[in-house]
């Protein structure tokens, strides 16, 4: 059985990275803006951070200004609504 490759769910890994970044940017105890480098350090991978930030930016959940990133108002509102549960 050791000859069988380990199955990875790449889509789930991307989703987790995006969630980690959003959690980081929306953390009230660590307000932004954050540098892309800082996000990469927090995720322990600059590449994962860049990929997640790009996807979140395309979705309108993150704003980018030069080397800095911060959560958009829609992302903040979504977090507020989720906290109402």
C-alpha atoms as a PDB file:
ATOM      1  CA  UNK A   1       0.000   0.000   0.000  1.00  0.00           C
ATOM      2  CA  UNK A   2       2.941   2.344   0.410  1.00  0.00           C
ATOM      3  CA  UNK A   3       3.302   2.494  -3.364  1.00  0.00           C
ATOM      4  CA  UNK A   4       0.013   4.383  -3.660  1.00  0.00           C
ATOM      5  CA  UNK A   5       0.376   8.166  -3.812  1.00  0.00           C
ATOM      6  CA  UNK A   6      -1.272  10.259  -1.117  1.00  0.00           C
ATOM      7  CA  UNK A   7      -4.367  11.961  -2.472  1.00  0.00           C
ATOM      8  CA  UNK A   8      -4.368  15.727  -1.977  1.00  0.00           C
ATOM      9  CA  UNK A   9      -7.388  17.924  -2.266  1.00  0.00           C
ATOM     10  CA  UNK A  10      -5.698  20.943  -3.826  1.00  0.00           C
ATOM     11  CA  UNK A  11      -8.908  22.980  -4.015  1.00  0.00           C
ATOM     12  CA  UNK A  12      -9.473  22.518  -0.285  1.00  0.00           C
ATOM     13  CA  UNK A  13      -5.880  23.596   0.396  1.00  0.00           C
ATOM     14  CA  UNK A  14      -6.425  26.803  -1.610  1.00  0.00           C
ATOM     15  CA  UNK A  15      -9.681  27.438   0.263  1.00  0.00           C
ATOM     16  CA  UNK A  16      -7.918  26.962   3.609  1.00  0.00           C
ATOM     17  CA  UNK A  17      -5.189  29.415   2.634  1.00  0.00           C
ATOM     18  CA  UNK A  18      -7.774  32.013   1.592  1.00  0.00           C
ATOM     19  CA  UNK A  19      -9.626  31.524   4.871  1.00  0.00           C
ATOM     20  CA  UNK A  20      -6.386  31.894   6.852  1.00  0.00           C
ATOM     21  CA  UNK A  21      -5.614  35.154   5.064  1.00  0.00           C
ATOM     22  CA  UNK A  22      -9.124  36.528   5.628  1.00  0.00           C
ATOM     23  CA  UNK A  23      -9.004  35.548   9.292  1.00  0.00           C
ATOM     24  CA  UNK A  24      -5.679  37.343   9.577  1.00  0.00           C
ATOM     25  CA  UNK A  25      -6.866  40.512   7.835  1.00  0.00           C
ATOM     26  CA  UNK A  26     -10.128  40.605   9.787  1.00  0.00           C
ATOM     27  CA  UNK A  27      -8.582  39.956  13.205  1.00  0.00           C
ATOM     28  CA  UNK A  28      -9.614  42.928  15.400  1.00  0.00           C
ATOM     29  CA  UNK A  29      -6.564  42.357  17.618  1.00  0.00           C
ATOM     30  CA  UNK A  30      -4.176  42.782  14.690  1.00  0.00           C
ATOM     31  CA  UNK A  31      -5.579  45.540  12.498  1.00  0.00           C
ATOM     32  CA  UNK A  32      -4.043  46.142   9.099  1.00  0.00           C
ATOM     33  CA  UNK A  33      -3.014  47.042   6.632  1.00  0.00           C
ATOM     34  CA  UNK A  34      -0.612  44.138   6.334  1.00  0.00           C
ATOM     35  CA  UNK A  35       2.306  43.860   3.967  1.00  0.00           C
ATOM     36  CA  UNK A  36       2.306  40.913   1.587  1.00  0.00           C
ATOM     37  CA  UNK A  37       5.551  39.844   3.267  1.00  0.00           C
ATOM     38  CA  UNK A  38       3.869  39.793   6.704  1.00  0.00           C
ATOM     39  CA  UNK A  39       1.014  37.693   5.358  1.00  0.00           C
ATOM     40  CA  UNK A  40       3.553  35.294   3.844  1.00  0.00           C
ATOM     41  CA  UNK A  41       5.348  34.998   7.180  1.00  0.00           C
ATOM     42  CA  UNK A  42       2.058  34.350   8.990  1.00  0.00           C
ATOM     43  CA  UNK A  43       1.149  31.591   6.508  1.00  0.00           C
ATOM     44  CA  UNK A  44       4.739  30.312   6.474  1.00  0.00           C
ATOM     45  CA  UNK A  45       4.705  30.556   2.677  1.00  0.00           C
ATOM     46  CA  UNK A  46       5.013  33.619   0.481  1.00  0.00           C
ATOM     47  CA  UNK A  47       3.640  31.649  -2.494  1.00  0.00           C
ATOM     48  CA  UNK A  48       0.519  30.479  -0.587  1.00  0.00           C
ATOM     49  CA  UNK A  49      -0.010  34.039   0.612  1.00  0.00           C
ATOM     50  CA  UNK A  50       0.319  35.512  -2.891  1.00  0.00           C
ATOM     51  CA  UNK A  51      -2.046  32.926  -4.382  1.00  0.00           C
ATOM     52  CA  UNK A  52      -4.637  33.458  -1.645  1.00  0.00           C
ATOM     53  CA  UNK A  53      -4.379  37.254  -1.843  1.00  0.00           C
ATOM     54  CA  UNK A  54      -4.776  37.190  -5.625  1.00  0.00           C
ATOM     55  CA  UNK A  55      -7.896  35.021  -5.401  1.00  0.00           C
ATOM     56  CA  UNK A  56      -9.392  37.151  -2.621  1.00  0.00           C
ATOM     57  CA  UNK A  57      -8.617  40.325  -4.572  1.00  0.00           C
ATOM     58  CA  UNK A  58     -10.363  38.947  -7.667  1.00  0.00           C
ATOM     59  CA  UNK A  59     -13.375  38.118  -5.473  1.00  0.00           C
ATOM     60  CA  UNK A  60     -13.474  41.675  -4.121  1.00  0.00           C
ATOM     61  CA  UNK A  61     -12.668  40.650  -0.549  1.00  0.00           C
ATOM     62  CA  UNK A  62      -9.206  42.201  -0.349  1.00  0.00           C
ATOM     63  CA  UNK A  63      -7.840  45.554  -1.456  1.00  0.00           C
ATOM     64  CA  UNK A  64      -4.235  45.941  -2.549  1.00  0.00           C
ATOM     65  CA  UNK A  65      -2.227  49.134  -2.389  1.00  0.00           C
ATOM     66  CA  UNK A  66       1.341  48.654  -3.527  1.00  0.00           C
ATOM     67  CA  UNK A  67       2.808  46.054  -1.132  1.00  0.00           C
ATOM     68  CA  UNK A  68      -0.022  46.373   1.404  1.00  0.00           C
ATOM     69  CA  UNK A  69      -3.323  44.512   1.699  1.00  0.00           C
ATOM     70  CA  UNK A  70      -6.447  44.929   3.797  1.00  0.00           C
ATOM     71  CA  UNK A  71      -9.928  43.438   3.929  1.00  0.00           C
ATOM     72  CA  UNK A  72     -12.672  45.082   1.898  1.00  0.00           C
ATOM     73  CA  UNK A  73     -15.934  46.315   3.389  1.00  0.00           C
ATOM     74  CA  UNK A  74     -17.873  43.346   1.983  1.00  0.00           C
ATOM     75  CA  UNK A  75     -15.437  40.979   3.726  1.00  0.00           C
ATOM     76  CA  UNK A  76     -15.845  42.877   7.000  1.00  0.00           C
ATOM     77  CA  UNK A  77     -19.639  42.824   6.703  1.00  0.00           C
ATOM     78  CA  UNK A  78     -19.637  39.093   5.971  1.00  0.00           C
ATOM     79  CA  UNK A  79     -17.637  38.526   9.149  1.00  0.00           C
ATOM     80  CA  UNK A  80     -20.116  40.631  11.139  1.00  0.00           C
ATOM     81  CA  UNK A  81     -23.022  38.595   9.816  1.00  0.00           C
ATOM     82  CA  UNK A  82     -21.227  35.307  10.522  1.00  0.00           C
ATOM     83  CA  UNK A  83     -20.605  36.431  14.108  1.00  0.00           C
ATOM     84  CA  UNK A  84     -24.371  36.868  14.606  1.00  0.00           C
ATOM     85  CA  UNK A  85     -24.910  33.097  14.601  1.00  0.00           C
END
